[in-house]
Amino acid sequence: MSYPEPRYLGDNGAVSAAFRPADTPPELVRGANRTHYLATHATTGGDFGLYRVDMALMPRAPDGTARG
């Protein structure tokens, strides 16, 4: 027995990639933050979700504390 159970038992691998151009707009925009859904829970069969989040910089005071 192995964990998790094998899903593909072929000899040559399986092609399952999807092309996503770098200029694809984000799926979620909140203020200055942008979230790109690279592989969602739905597209991975419930195994995981993969997201890229571009976060805005938070301004800092000279003493290093966050402002705003």
N, C-alpha and C. Protein backbone atom coordinates (compact mmCIF):
# COMPACT_ATOMS: atom_id res chain seq x y z
N MET A 1 0.84 -1.18 0.00
CA MET A 1 0.00 0.00 0.00
C MET A 1 0.88 1.24 0.00
N SER A 2 0.47 2.24 -0.74
CA SER A 2 1.19 3.51 -0.75
C SER A 2 0.22 4.63 -0.41
N TYR A 3 0.78 5.75 -0.03
CA TYR A 3 -0.06 6.91 0.32
C TYR A 3 0.40 8.08 -0.48
N PRO A 4 -0.43 8.80 -1.18
CA PRO A 4 -1.82 8.42 -1.48
C PRO A 4 -1.86 7.31 -2.53
N GLU A 5 -3.02 6.77 -2.72
CA GLU A 5 -3.19 5.71 -3.72
C GLU A 5 -2.80 6.26 -5.09
N PRO A 6 -2.08 5.49 -5.91
CA PRO A 6 -1.70 5.95 -7.25
C PRO A 6 -2.94 6.27 -8.09
N ARG A 7 -2.83 7.35 -8.86
CA ARG A 7 -3.93 7.73 -9.77
C ARG A 7 -3.61 7.43 -11.21
N TYR A 8 -2.34 7.37 -11.52
CA TYR A 8 -1.94 7.13 -12.90
C TYR A 8 -0.94 5.98 -12.91
N LEU A 9 -1.24 4.95 -13.64
CA LEU A 9 -0.38 3.78 -13.68
C LEU A 9 0.22 3.51 -15.05
N GLY A 10 0.14 4.52 -15.95
CA GLY A 10 0.68 4.36 -17.29
C GLY A 10 2.20 4.36 -17.30
N ASP A 11 2.78 4.09 -18.46
CA ASP A 11 4.23 4.00 -18.59
C ASP A 11 4.90 5.30 -19.01
N ASN A 12 4.17 6.23 -19.64
CA ASN A 12 4.79 7.40 -20.24
C ASN A 12 4.43 8.73 -19.60
N GLY A 13 3.79 8.75 -18.49
CA GLY A 13 3.39 10.01 -17.88
C GLY A 13 2.09 10.52 -18.47
N ALA A 14 1.56 11.54 -17.85
CA ALA A 14 0.29 12.11 -18.30
C ALA A 14 0.46 13.60 -18.51
N VAL A 15 -0.05 14.11 -19.60
CA VAL A 15 -0.01 15.54 -19.88
C VAL A 15 -1.23 16.16 -19.21
N SER A 16 -0.97 17.05 -18.24
CA SER A 16 -2.10 17.66 -17.52
C SER A 16 -1.88 19.14 -17.25
N ALA A 17 -0.91 19.73 -17.90
CA ALA A 17 -0.61 21.15 -17.67
C ALA A 17 -1.56 22.03 -18.48
N ALA A 18 -1.72 23.26 -18.00
CA ALA A 18 -2.49 24.27 -18.72
C ALA A 18 -1.64 25.52 -18.82
N PHE A 19 -1.61 26.13 -20.00
CA PHE A 19 -0.82 27.34 -20.22
C PHE A 19 -1.57 28.53 -19.65
N ARG A 20 -0.88 29.34 -18.89
CA ARG A 20 -1.46 30.58 -18.34
C ARG A 20 -0.47 31.70 -18.64
N PRO A 21 -0.79 32.58 -19.60
CA PRO A 21 0.14 33.66 -19.95
C PRO A 21 0.43 34.56 -18.75
N ALA A 22 1.61 35.12 -18.71
CA ALA A 22 2.02 35.98 -17.59
C ALA A 22 1.15 37.22 -17.47
N ASP A 23 0.55 37.66 -18.58
CA ASP A 23 -0.27 38.88 -18.53
C ASP A 23 -1.75 38.60 -18.24
N THR A 24 -2.08 37.39 -17.80
CA THR A 24 -3.46 37.08 -17.44
C THR A 24 -3.87 37.95 -16.25
N PRO A 25 -5.00 38.63 -16.34
CA PRO A 25 -5.40 39.50 -15.22
C PRO A 25 -5.74 38.68 -13.98
N PRO A 26 -5.59 39.27 -12.80
CA PRO A 26 -5.90 38.56 -11.56
C PRO A 26 -7.39 38.27 -11.45
N GLU A 27 -7.72 37.19 -10.76
CA GLU A 27 -9.12 36.84 -10.53
C GLU A 27 -9.73 37.64 -9.39
N LEU A 28 -8.90 38.10 -8.47
CA LEU A 28 -9.40 38.83 -7.32
C LEU A 28 -8.55 40.06 -7.10
N VAL A 29 -9.20 41.21 -6.97
CA VAL A 29 -8.51 42.47 -6.71
C VAL A 29 -9.12 43.08 -5.45
N ARG A 30 -8.30 43.31 -4.46
CA ARG A 30 -8.74 43.95 -3.22
C ARG A 30 -7.78 45.09 -2.94
N GLY A 31 -8.24 46.30 -3.15
CA GLY A 31 -7.34 47.45 -2.97
C GLY A 31 -6.18 47.34 -3.93
N ALA A 32 -4.96 47.40 -3.38
CA ALA A 32 -3.76 47.29 -4.21
C ALA A 32 -3.26 45.84 -4.31
N ASN A 33 -3.93 44.89 -3.68
CA ASN A 33 -3.53 43.49 -3.70
C ASN A 33 -4.20 42.76 -4.87
N ARG A 34 -3.45 41.85 -5.49
CA ARG A 34 -3.94 41.08 -6.64
C ARG A 34 -3.73 39.59 -6.37
N THR A 35 -4.77 38.78 -6.60
CA THR A 35 -4.66 37.33 -6.40
C THR A 35 -4.93 36.62 -7.72
N HIS A 36 -3.99 35.76 -8.11
CA HIS A 36 -4.09 34.97 -9.33
C HIS A 36 -4.35 33.52 -8.92
N TYR A 37 -5.39 32.92 -9.44
CA TYR A 37 -5.71 31.52 -9.15
C TYR A 37 -4.97 30.64 -10.15
N LEU A 38 -3.88 30.03 -9.74
CA LEU A 38 -3.06 29.21 -10.64
C LEU A 38 -3.61 27.80 -10.77
N ALA A 39 -3.96 27.19 -9.66
CA ALA A 39 -4.56 25.85 -9.65
C ALA A 39 -5.54 25.83 -8.47
N THR A 40 -6.80 25.79 -8.76
CA THR A 40 -7.80 25.86 -7.70
C THR A 40 -8.12 24.48 -7.15
N HIS A 41 -8.81 24.49 -6.04
CA HIS A 41 -9.28 23.25 -5.42
C HIS A 41 -10.09 22.44 -6.45
N ALA A 42 -10.86 23.14 -7.25
CA ALA A 42 -11.70 22.46 -8.25
C ALA A 42 -10.86 21.84 -9.38
N THR A 43 -9.80 22.53 -9.83
CA THR A 43 -9.02 22.02 -10.95
C THR A 43 -8.01 20.95 -10.54
N THR A 44 -7.77 20.77 -9.25
CA THR A 44 -6.84 19.74 -8.79
C THR A 44 -7.56 18.55 -8.18
N GLY A 45 -8.84 18.45 -8.42
CA GLY A 45 -9.61 17.34 -7.89
C GLY A 45 -9.74 17.37 -6.37
N GLY A 46 -9.66 18.57 -5.79
CA GLY A 46 -9.81 18.70 -4.35
C GLY A 46 -8.53 18.49 -3.57
N ASP A 47 -7.40 18.32 -4.26
CA ASP A 47 -6.15 18.04 -3.56
C ASP A 47 -5.52 19.27 -2.92
N PHE A 48 -5.52 20.39 -3.63
CA PHE A 48 -4.87 21.59 -3.11
C PHE A 48 -5.29 22.79 -3.95
N GLY A 49 -4.93 23.96 -3.52
CA GLY A 49 -5.10 25.18 -4.28
C GLY A 49 -3.75 25.88 -4.36
N LEU A 50 -3.44 26.47 -5.50
CA LEU A 50 -2.17 27.19 -5.68
C LEU A 50 -2.51 28.58 -6.19
N TYR A 51 -2.08 29.59 -5.45
CA TYR A 51 -2.42 30.97 -5.75
C TYR A 51 -1.17 31.82 -5.72
N ARG A 52 -1.15 32.87 -6.52
CA ARG A 52 -0.08 33.87 -6.45
C ARG A 52 -0.71 35.16 -5.98
N VAL A 53 -0.20 35.71 -4.90
CA VAL A 53 -0.74 36.95 -4.36
C VAL A 53 0.33 38.03 -4.48
N ASP A 54 0.00 39.08 -5.20
CA ASP A 54 0.87 40.25 -5.31
C ASP A 54 0.35 41.27 -4.32
N MET A 55 1.13 41.48 -3.26
CA MET A 55 0.69 42.36 -2.19
C MET A 55 1.38 43.72 -2.29
N ALA A 56 0.60 44.75 -1.99
CA ALA A 56 1.15 46.11 -1.99
C ALA A 56 2.08 46.26 -0.80
N LEU A 57 3.08 47.09 -0.97
CA LEU A 57 3.98 47.38 0.14
C LEU A 57 3.26 48.22 1.18
N MET A 58 3.53 47.93 2.44
CA MET A 58 2.96 48.73 3.51
C MET A 58 3.99 49.79 3.89
N PRO A 59 3.58 51.05 3.89
CA PRO A 59 4.54 52.10 4.25
C PRO A 59 5.07 51.90 5.67
N ARG A 60 6.33 52.21 5.87
CA ARG A 60 6.96 52.06 7.18
C ARG A 60 7.49 53.42 7.68
N ALA A 61 7.37 53.60 8.96
CA ALA A 61 7.93 54.79 9.59
C ALA A 61 9.45 54.59 9.72
N PRO A 62 10.21 55.66 9.96
CA PRO A 62 11.67 55.51 10.11
C PRO A 62 12.08 54.52 11.19
N ASP A 63 11.22 54.32 12.21
CA ASP A 63 11.57 53.37 13.28
C ASP A 63 11.18 51.94 12.92
N GLY A 64 10.65 51.71 11.72
CA GLY A 64 10.30 50.36 11.26
C GLY A 64 8.87 49.94 11.53
N THR A 65 8.11 50.76 12.23
CA THR A 65 6.71 50.39 12.49
C THR A 65 5.85 50.69 11.27
N ALA A 66 4.79 49.91 11.13
CA ALA A 66 3.90 50.07 9.98
C ALA A 66 3.07 51.33 10.12
N ARG A 67 2.84 51.98 8.99
CA ARG A 67 1.96 53.16 8.95
C ARG A 67 0.79 52.82 8.05
N GLY A 68 -0.37 53.35 8.37
CA GLY A 68 -1.53 53.19 7.52
C GLY A 68 -2.31 52.06 7.88
